[in-house]
């Protein structure tokens, strides 16, 4: 698949500049400095001080290419003054824990931010999002946000459902939501989920909500603040396909002009208004209930940059960081000419005791439609694709003009994994 491989490898035609970008709360290895350097921008990291960061926050490594590193220890005025001194003209949140600080800094510097400071939870918290949508008359799941398991159990008495989903309130915490059918199951998984939520976000609150039936989608969008208010544009819709085990097997980029895509787009744009999104890229996880229609499960400011993400953005020509840097929404509506590809993201789970070794990875990389093999999947989508207990995972991006070519390679991947599982269980 020479065309897709060339699209991934080709550098973007950006001219060099002298301006700096504030990268807020980047985690080690996030790659933002390199991404900005390719666009002719200096990257200034704003790391979280000890009192302002969750326990799992790791900060940046000394050799990650940032022109300056500023520590935010609670004094916003001092941090903003330093950023003004280095000539920052854009602000990027580089991790979920950095979204609130990024919005506050952008507001102080009078630069575009994802929303108005003080309303950040609308863009980072599942429970707050569900309540805001309900108040706006937009379909949302019944949900409770709480740090008390006793309150959660009492809530189920008043809001009975066939099953519930339990997850951290903060979006971006590793680990998939857990489906529970009984109070005993809720009680059993509560401590582990709560500990993980606190370690990665600094907030021990969880969200218990009714399980929403229907197929799941991820809807990507970008927003620009125009003269008549925020203008939202959907840039991609990904349909989930699950394996018989219940694990996420793949996601497929949908054609954006069919009736389903239009309905999802209209719903998401209304939801973004209710969540106060004013600028920048967002990813919305939506279920399509056969009776209720689209239902938002979570909406997240785009902060991740996995290798698989970057491969998809290169193929489409729609890298969300460009919306932050130049604010050109028109690029996402018309843009430079990019060949139309079918794209699928495949999730491979290696069983316990197995590792996606060089031979296996080379087999995947050699497939005609392979554009990327990512052994560290950290994308918004792949968070719904957990590994098997004790196992490892990788993500494979397939791209081609013909869907039949992708399906052929997908069946090859399935066959390789089926053989591997048989060997492991002998």
Protein backbone atom coordinates (compact mmCIF):
# COMPACT_ATOMS: atom_id res chain seq x y z
CA UNK A 1 0.00 0.00 0.00
CA UNK A 2 2.58 2.49 -1.19
CA UNK A 3 0.24 5.48 -1.36
CA UNK A 4 -0.91 5.20 2.27
CA UNK A 5 2.65 4.60 3.50
CA UNK A 6 3.83 7.69 1.61
CA UNK A 7 1.03 9.77 3.11
CA UNK A 8 2.09 8.76 6.62
CA UNK A 9 5.78 9.41 5.99
CA UNK A 10 5.47 12.74 4.16
CA UNK A 11 6.16 15.86 6.26
CA UNK A 12 3.53 18.57 6.36
CA UNK A 13 4.37 21.67 4.27
CA UNK A 14 4.71 24.18 7.12
CA UNK A 15 6.97 27.20 7.01
CA UNK A 16 9.33 27.91 9.88
CA UNK A 17 8.37 30.55 12.39
CA UNK A 18 9.66 32.05 15.61
CA UNK A 19 6.60 31.85 17.82
CA UNK A 20 6.25 29.57 20.83
CA UNK A 21 3.44 27.27 21.94
CA UNK A 22 2.67 26.58 25.60
CA UNK A 23 2.26 22.82 26.09
CA UNK A 24 0.37 22.28 29.33
CA UNK A 25 1.04 19.25 31.55
CA UNK A 26 2.73 17.00 28.97
CA UNK A 27 3.42 13.47 30.14
CA UNK A 28 6.79 11.87 29.42
CA UNK A 29 7.04 10.72 25.82
CA UNK A 30 4.00 12.64 24.58
CA UNK A 31 5.97 13.92 21.57
CA UNK A 32 4.51 17.42 21.47
CA UNK A 33 7.91 19.12 21.16
CA UNK A 34 8.75 17.15 18.01
CA UNK A 35 5.31 17.74 16.50
CA UNK A 36 5.60 21.49 17.01
CA UNK A 37 9.20 21.59 15.79
CA UNK A 38 8.04 20.11 12.48
CA UNK A 39 5.68 23.09 12.25
CA UNK A 40 8.45 25.61 12.92
CA UNK A 41 7.29 26.32 16.48
CA UNK A 42 9.17 26.33 19.78
CA UNK A 43 7.50 24.30 22.53
CA UNK A 44 7.42 25.58 26.11
CA UNK A 45 6.36 22.95 28.63
CA UNK A 46 4.30 23.96 31.65
CA UNK A 47 4.60 21.11 34.13
CA UNK A 48 2.51 20.65 37.24
CA UNK A 49 4.11 21.27 40.63
CA UNK A 50 3.86 18.66 43.37
CA UNK A 51 0.75 20.18 44.98
CA UNK A 52 -1.05 20.61 41.64
CA UNK A 53 -0.65 17.15 40.14
CA UNK A 54 -2.28 13.74 40.64
CA UNK A 55 -0.05 10.92 41.96
CA UNK A 56 0.34 9.23 38.55
CA UNK A 57 1.55 12.38 36.75
CA UNK A 58 5.10 11.86 35.46
CA UNK A 59 5.97 15.15 33.76
CA UNK A 60 8.43 15.48 30.88
CA UNK A 61 11.88 14.00 30.43
CA UNK A 62 14.91 16.37 30.32
CA UNK A 63 15.72 15.48 26.70
CA UNK A 64 12.28 15.90 25.12
CA UNK A 65 13.16 19.00 23.11
CA UNK A 66 11.28 21.76 24.94
CA UNK A 67 12.87 25.20 24.60
CA UNK A 68 11.85 26.00 28.16
CA UNK A 69 10.18 24.23 31.08
CA UNK A 70 8.05 26.22 33.52
CA UNK A 71 6.69 24.71 36.71
CA UNK A 72 3.18 25.71 37.74
CA UNK A 73 3.04 25.57 41.53
CA UNK A 74 -0.30 27.34 41.99
CA UNK A 75 0.70 30.89 41.03
CA UNK A 76 -1.16 31.45 37.74
CA UNK A 77 -0.11 35.09 37.46
CA UNK A 78 3.59 34.20 37.63
CA UNK A 79 3.21 31.40 35.08
CA UNK A 80 1.35 33.65 32.63
CA UNK A 81 4.00 36.35 33.01
CA UNK A 82 6.75 33.88 32.06
CA UNK A 83 4.77 32.70 29.04
CA UNK A 84 4.27 36.28 27.86
CA UNK A 85 8.02 36.81 28.13
CA UNK A 86 8.80 33.94 25.76
CA UNK A 87 6.17 35.10 23.24
CA UNK A 88 3.61 32.31 23.44
CA UNK A 89 0.86 32.66 20.81
CA UNK A 90 -1.01 29.35 21.34
CA UNK A 91 -1.86 27.06 24.23
CA UNK A 92 -2.22 23.28 23.97
CA UNK A 93 -3.41 20.89 26.68
CA UNK A 94 -1.13 17.85 26.41
CA UNK A 95 -2.87 15.55 28.91
CA UNK A 96 -6.32 15.31 30.51
CA UNK A 97 -5.01 16.75 33.79
CA UNK A 98 -3.77 19.82 31.93
CA UNK A 99 -7.08 20.86 30.34
CA UNK A 100 -8.25 23.13 33.16
CA UNK A 101 -4.91 24.91 33.51
CA UNK A 102 -4.67 25.29 29.72
CA UNK A 103 -8.06 26.99 29.63
CA UNK A 104 -7.12 29.36 32.45
CA UNK A 105 -3.79 30.26 30.83
CA UNK A 106 -5.38 30.75 27.40
CA UNK A 107 -8.00 33.06 28.94
CA UNK A 108 -5.30 35.16 30.64
CA UNK A 109 -3.26 35.39 27.45
CA UNK A 110 -6.39 36.18 25.39
CA UNK A 111 -5.78 33.18 23.17
CA UNK A 112 -8.29 30.56 21.98
CA UNK A 113 -9.09 27.89 24.55
CA UNK A 114 -11.47 24.95 24.52
CA UNK A 115 -13.93 26.80 26.74
CA UNK A 116 -14.45 29.43 29.42
CA UNK A 117 -12.49 28.81 32.67
CA UNK A 118 -14.79 27.72 35.45
CA UNK A 119 -16.73 25.44 33.14
CA UNK A 120 -13.89 22.98 32.51
CA UNK A 121 -15.72 20.04 34.10
CA UNK A 122 -18.20 20.23 31.23
CA UNK A 123 -15.36 19.04 29.00
CA UNK A 124 -13.57 16.68 31.39
CA UNK A 125 -16.13 14.97 33.65
CA UNK A 126 -18.66 12.26 32.67
CA UNK A 127 -21.10 13.03 35.47
CA UNK A 128 -21.15 16.79 34.89
CA UNK A 129 -21.61 16.20 31.17
CA UNK A 130 -24.63 13.91 31.66
CA UNK A 131 -26.30 16.46 33.96
CA UNK A 132 -25.61 19.38 31.59
CA UNK A 133 -27.09 17.54 28.61
CA UNK A 134 -30.20 16.56 30.56
CA UNK A 135 -30.73 20.15 31.66
CA UNK A 136 -30.38 21.28 28.04
CA UNK A 137 -33.01 18.75 26.90
CA UNK A 138 -30.45 16.64 25.03
CA UNK A 139 -30.62 12.85 25.33
CA UNK A 140 -28.20 11.61 27.98
CA UNK A 141 -27.91 8.53 30.21
CA UNK A 142 -29.28 8.58 33.73
CA UNK A 143 -26.20 8.91 35.91
CA UNK A 144 -24.91 9.60 39.42
CA UNK A 145 -21.56 11.22 40.19
CA UNK A 146 -20.33 10.36 43.68
CA UNK A 147 -17.36 9.25 45.78
CA UNK A 148 -19.61 7.19 48.08
CA UNK A 149 -20.39 3.56 47.28
CA UNK A 150 -23.32 3.70 49.74
CA UNK A 151 -24.87 6.59 47.79
CA UNK A 152 -24.34 4.69 44.55
CA UNK A 153 -26.12 1.60 45.88
CA UNK A 154 -29.04 3.69 47.12
CA UNK A 155 -29.29 5.36 43.70
CA UNK A 156 -29.80 1.99 42.01
CA UNK A 157 -32.92 1.45 44.15
CA UNK A 158 -34.50 4.55 42.62
CA UNK A 159 -33.11 4.10 39.10
CA UNK A 160 -33.48 0.43 38.29
CA UNK A 161 -31.89 -0.88 35.09
CA UNK A 162 -30.92 -4.24 33.64
CA UNK A 163 -27.26 -3.27 34.00
CA UNK A 164 -25.08 -0.32 34.98
CA UNK A 165 -21.73 1.04 33.88
CA UNK A 166 -19.20 2.26 36.44
CA UNK A 167 -16.27 4.51 35.51
CA UNK A 168 -14.14 7.34 36.84
CA UNK A 169 -15.82 10.73 36.70
CA UNK A 170 -12.65 12.22 35.20
CA UNK A 171 -12.19 11.42 31.52
CA UNK A 172 -8.77 10.16 30.50
CA UNK A 173 -8.19 7.76 33.39
CA UNK A 174 -6.77 4.48 32.00
CA UNK A 175 -9.06 1.45 32.05
CA UNK A 176 -12.43 0.78 30.52
CA UNK A 177 -15.76 1.29 32.33
CA UNK A 178 -17.00 -1.82 34.14
CA UNK A 179 -20.46 -3.28 33.51
CA UNK A 180 -22.29 -4.34 36.68
CA UNK A 181 -25.63 -6.10 37.01
CA UNK A 182 -25.88 -6.33 40.79
CA UNK A 183 -25.08 -4.30 43.89
CA UNK A 184 -22.50 -6.92 44.83
CA UNK A 185 -20.62 -6.34 41.59
CA UNK A 186 -20.67 -2.58 42.11
CA UNK A 187 -19.30 -3.01 45.63
CA UNK A 188 -16.59 -5.42 44.46
CA UNK A 189 -15.08 -3.21 41.73
CA UNK A 190 -15.58 0.15 43.47
CA UNK A 191 -12.28 0.32 45.46
CA UNK A 192 -10.05 -0.50 42.48
CA UNK A 193 -11.77 1.98 40.14
CA UNK A 194 -11.75 4.69 42.80
CA UNK A 195 -8.04 4.22 43.51
CA UNK A 196 -7.23 4.40 39.79
CA UNK A 197 -9.38 7.51 39.37
CA UNK A 198 -7.57 9.31 42.19
CA UNK A 199 -4.09 8.26 41.06
CA UNK A 200 -4.55 9.54 37.52
CA UNK A 201 -6.80 12.57 38.03
CA UNK A 202 -6.62 13.58 41.69
CA UNK A 203 -10.41 13.09 41.93
CA UNK A 204 -11.84 9.98 43.60
CA UNK A 205 -15.36 10.48 42.22
CA UNK A 206 -16.93 7.78 40.07
CA UNK A 207 -19.95 7.84 37.75
CA UNK A 208 -22.59 5.13 37.88
CA UNK A 209 -24.97 5.22 34.94
CA UNK A 210 -27.50 3.05 33.20
CA UNK A 211 -26.05 0.83 30.50
CA UNK A 212 -26.96 2.29 27.11
CA UNK A 213 -27.77 -0.25 24.41
CA UNK A 214 -26.79 0.10 20.78
CA UNK A 215 -23.68 0.41 18.65
CA UNK A 216 -20.91 2.75 19.75
CA UNK A 217 -19.17 5.48 17.77
CA UNK A 218 -16.42 8.04 18.29
CA UNK A 219 -17.17 11.39 16.66
CA UNK A 220 -14.19 13.73 16.14
CA UNK A 221 -14.78 17.44 15.74
CA UNK A 222 -13.03 20.80 15.66
CA UNK A 223 -14.49 24.13 16.79
CA UNK A 224 -13.60 27.72 15.98
CA UNK A 225 -14.98 30.78 17.72
CA UNK A 226 -16.50 32.84 14.90
CA UNK A 227 -18.34 36.18 14.83
CA UNK A 228 -21.66 34.44 15.55
CA UNK A 229 -20.29 32.13 18.25
CA UNK A 230 -18.67 28.68 18.22
CA UNK A 231 -18.73 26.90 14.86
CA UNK A 232 -18.42 23.10 15.05
CA UNK A 233 -17.32 20.83 12.22
CA UNK A 234 -17.29 17.02 12.43
CA UNK A 235 -13.99 15.70 11.04
CA UNK A 236 -14.50 11.95 11.42
CA UNK A 237 -16.91 9.29 12.68
CA UNK A 238 -15.58 5.91 13.81
CA UNK A 239 -17.85 2.87 14.22
CA UNK A 240 -16.95 0.25 16.85
CA UNK A 241 -16.93 -3.46 16.05
CA UNK A 242 -16.60 -5.89 18.97
CA UNK A 243 -15.31 -9.46 18.98
CA UNK A 244 -17.48 -12.30 20.41
CA UNK A 245 -15.45 -11.97 23.64
CA UNK A 246 -16.81 -8.44 24.07
CA UNK A 247 -13.43 -6.80 23.45
CA UNK A 248 -13.20 -4.02 20.89
CA UNK A 249 -11.80 -5.57 17.70
CA UNK A 250 -11.71 -2.61 15.30
CA UNK A 251 -13.08 0.82 14.46
CA UNK A 252 -13.97 1.93 10.94
CA UNK A 253 -14.07 5.44 9.52
CA UNK A 254 -17.58 6.06 8.21
CA UNK A 255 -18.62 7.98 5.13
CA UNK A 256 -19.66 11.35 6.58
CA UNK A 257 -22.58 11.98 4.23
CA UNK A 258 -24.93 9.07 4.94
CA UNK A 259 -28.05 9.53 7.09
CA UNK A 260 -26.56 7.97 10.24
CA UNK A 261 -23.46 10.14 10.05
CA UNK A 262 -25.61 13.25 9.62
CA UNK A 263 -27.75 12.36 12.62
CA UNK A 264 -24.69 11.72 14.78
CA UNK A 265 -23.14 14.99 13.59
CA UNK A 266 -26.21 17.07 14.43
CA UNK A 267 -26.47 15.47 17.87
CA UNK A 268 -22.78 16.00 18.66
CA UNK A 269 -22.86 19.66 17.57
CA UNK A 270 -25.80 20.27 19.92
CA UNK A 271 -23.95 18.46 22.71
CA UNK A 272 -20.82 20.56 22.14
CA UNK A 273 -22.91 23.71 22.57
CA UNK A 274 -24.29 22.38 25.86
CA UNK A 275 -20.76 21.56 27.05
CA UNK A 276 -19.53 25.08 26.33
CA UNK A 277 -16.97 24.06 23.70
CA UNK A 278 -15.62 27.25 22.14
CA UNK A 279 -12.49 26.20 20.28
CA UNK A 280 -10.26 23.30 19.33
CA UNK A 281 -10.56 19.54 18.80
CA UNK A 282 -12.91 17.21 20.72
CA UNK A 283 -13.69 13.48 20.62
CA UNK A 284 -17.17 12.32 21.60
CA UNK A 285 -18.00 8.72 22.54
CA UNK A 286 -21.62 8.17 21.49
CA UNK A 287 -23.96 5.18 21.63
CA UNK A 288 -26.83 4.93 19.16
CA UNK A 289 -29.78 3.52 21.09
CA UNK A 290 -32.38 1.99 18.72
CA UNK A 291 -35.22 3.72 20.61
CA UNK A 292 -33.61 6.95 21.89
CA UNK A 293 -31.16 7.71 19.09
CA UNK A 294 -27.68 9.13 19.84
CA UNK A 295 -26.62 9.25 23.51
CA UNK A 296 -23.38 10.91 24.59
CA UNK A 297 -21.28 8.73 26.91
CA UNK A 298 -18.35 11.13 27.20
CA UNK A 299 -16.70 14.05 25.44
CA UNK A 300 -13.00 14.77 25.70
CA UNK A 301 -10.60 17.51 24.66
CA UNK A 302 -8.09 15.86 22.31
CA UNK A 303 -4.77 15.64 24.16
CA UNK A 304 -3.39 12.23 23.11
CA UNK A 305 -0.97 11.73 20.22
CA UNK A 306 -0.34 8.02 19.77
CA UNK A 307 1.52 6.78 16.67
CA UNK A 308 -1.76 5.34 15.41
CA UNK A 309 -3.48 8.70 15.87
CA UNK A 310 -0.76 10.48 13.93
CA UNK A 311 -0.91 7.93 11.11
CA UNK A 312 -4.66 8.48 10.73
CA UNK A 313 -4.24 12.27 10.80
CA UNK A 314 -1.53 12.11 8.14
CA UNK A 315 -3.76 10.01 5.89
CA UNK A 316 -6.71 12.35 6.32
CA UNK A 317 -4.69 15.57 6.35
CA UNK A 318 -6.60 16.64 9.47
CA UNK A 319 -4.24 16.89 12.42
CA UNK A 320 -6.15 18.48 15.33
CA UNK A 321 -3.12 20.42 16.52
CA UNK A 322 -3.34 22.55 13.39
CA UNK A 323 -6.79 23.76 14.44
CA UNK A 324 -5.22 25.03 17.66
CA UNK A 325 -2.28 26.68 15.92
CA UNK A 326 -4.01 28.44 13.04
CA UNK A 327 -7.70 28.31 13.92
CA UNK A 328 -8.54 27.67 10.27
CA UNK A 329 -11.82 25.80 10.42
CA UNK A 330 -12.09 26.12 6.64
CA UNK A 331 -9.16 23.71 6.36
CA UNK A 332 -11.33 21.05 7.91
CA UNK A 333 -14.24 21.74 5.62
CA UNK A 334 -12.44 21.90 2.30
CA UNK A 335 -8.70 21.62 2.94
CA UNK A 336 -5.90 20.66 0.62
CA UNK A 337 -6.65 17.70 -1.64
CA UNK A 338 -6.25 14.37 0.14
CA UNK A 339 -7.02 11.03 -1.57
CA UNK A 340 -10.10 9.33 -0.15
CA UNK A 341 -9.17 6.24 1.83
CA UNK A 342 -11.03 3.62 3.73
CA UNK A 343 -9.43 3.47 7.18
CA UNK A 344 -9.73 0.85 9.91
CA UNK A 345 -8.02 0.70 13.30
CA UNK A 346 -7.48 -2.90 14.41
CA UNK A 347 -6.87 -3.88 18.05
CA UNK A 348 -4.86 -7.02 18.72
CA UNK A 349 -4.82 -8.61 22.18
CA UNK A 350 -2.05 -11.13 22.83
CA UNK A 351 -2.97 -13.76 25.46
CA UNK A 352 -1.29 -14.07 28.85
CA UNK A 353 2.33 -15.10 28.52
CA UNK A 354 2.49 -13.77 24.99
CA UNK A 355 4.20 -10.65 23.72
CA UNK A 356 3.69 -8.98 20.30
CA UNK A 357 7.30 -9.85 19.36
CA UNK A 358 9.27 -8.66 16.31
CA UNK A 359 8.14 -11.55 14.11
CA UNK A 360 4.48 -10.92 14.76
CA UNK A 361 4.85 -7.17 14.33
CA UNK A 362 6.75 -7.64 11.07
CA UNK A 363 3.94 -9.85 9.80
CA UNK A 364 1.42 -7.11 10.50
CA UNK A 365 3.64 -4.35 9.08
CA UNK A 366 4.13 -6.30 5.83
CA UNK A 367 0.41 -6.43 5.01
CA UNK A 368 -0.35 -4.41 1.84
CA UNK A 369 -2.74 -1.97 3.53
CA UNK A 370 -0.83 -1.43 6.79
CA UNK A 371 -0.05 2.23 7.46
CA UNK A 372 1.07 1.90 11.09
CA UNK A 373 1.67 -0.68 13.82
CA UNK A 374 1.56 0.89 17.29
CA UNK A 375 2.72 -1.22 20.23
CA UNK A 376 1.76 1.47 22.75
CA UNK A 377 -1.89 2.20 21.93
CA UNK A 378 -3.03 5.20 23.97
CA UNK A 379 -5.61 6.80 21.74
CA UNK A 380 -9.07 7.91 22.85
CA UNK A 381 -10.56 5.01 20.90
CA UNK A 382 -8.17 2.30 22.11
CA UNK A 383 -9.06 2.97 25.76
CA UNK A 384 -12.16 0.88 25.05
CA UNK A 385 -9.96 -1.99 23.85
CA UNK A 386 -8.53 -3.56 27.03
CA UNK A 387 -5.86 -6.22 26.96
CA UNK A 388 -6.61 -9.73 28.03
CA UNK A 389 -5.61 -10.38 31.68
CA UNK A 390 -1.82 -10.32 31.81
CA UNK A 391 -1.55 -9.82 28.06
CA UNK A 392 -0.23 -7.18 25.69
CA UNK A 393 -1.91 -5.17 22.95
CA UNK A 394 -1.08 -3.33 19.77
CA UNK A 395 -3.02 -1.24 17.29
CA UNK A 396 -2.77 -1.58 13.51
CA UNK A 397 -3.97 1.13 11.12
CA UNK A 398 -5.11 -0.19 7.75
CA UNK A 399 -5.82 2.23 4.87
CA UNK A 400 -6.72 1.73 1.22
CA UNK A 401 -8.99 3.15 -1.47
CA UNK A 402 -10.88 -0.16 -1.63
CA UNK A 403 -12.63 -1.62 1.40
CA UNK A 404 -12.08 -5.13 0.02
CA UNK A 405 -8.31 -4.74 0.38
CA UNK A 406 -8.72 -3.78 4.05
CA UNK A 407 -11.04 -6.72 4.72
CA UNK A 408 -8.54 -9.13 3.17
CA UNK A 409 -5.76 -7.93 5.46
CA UNK A 410 -8.09 -7.88 8.47
CA UNK A 411 -8.91 -11.55 7.90
CA UNK A 412 -5.16 -12.26 7.72
CA UNK A 413 -4.69 -10.58 11.12
CA UNK A 414 -7.56 -12.61 12.57
CA UNK A 415 -6.07 -15.83 11.23
CA UNK A 416 -2.62 -15.05 12.67
CA UNK A 417 -4.11 -14.27 16.08
CA UNK A 418 -6.32 -17.37 16.05
CA UNK A 419 -3.23 -19.52 15.42
CA UNK A 420 -1.34 -17.73 18.21
CA UNK A 421 -4.16 -18.35 20.68
CA UNK A 422 -4.24 -22.04 19.74
CA UNK A 423 -0.50 -22.34 20.36
CA UNK A 424 -0.76 -20.61 23.74
CA UNK A 425 -3.51 -22.95 24.89
CA UNK A 426 -1.84 -26.23 23.94
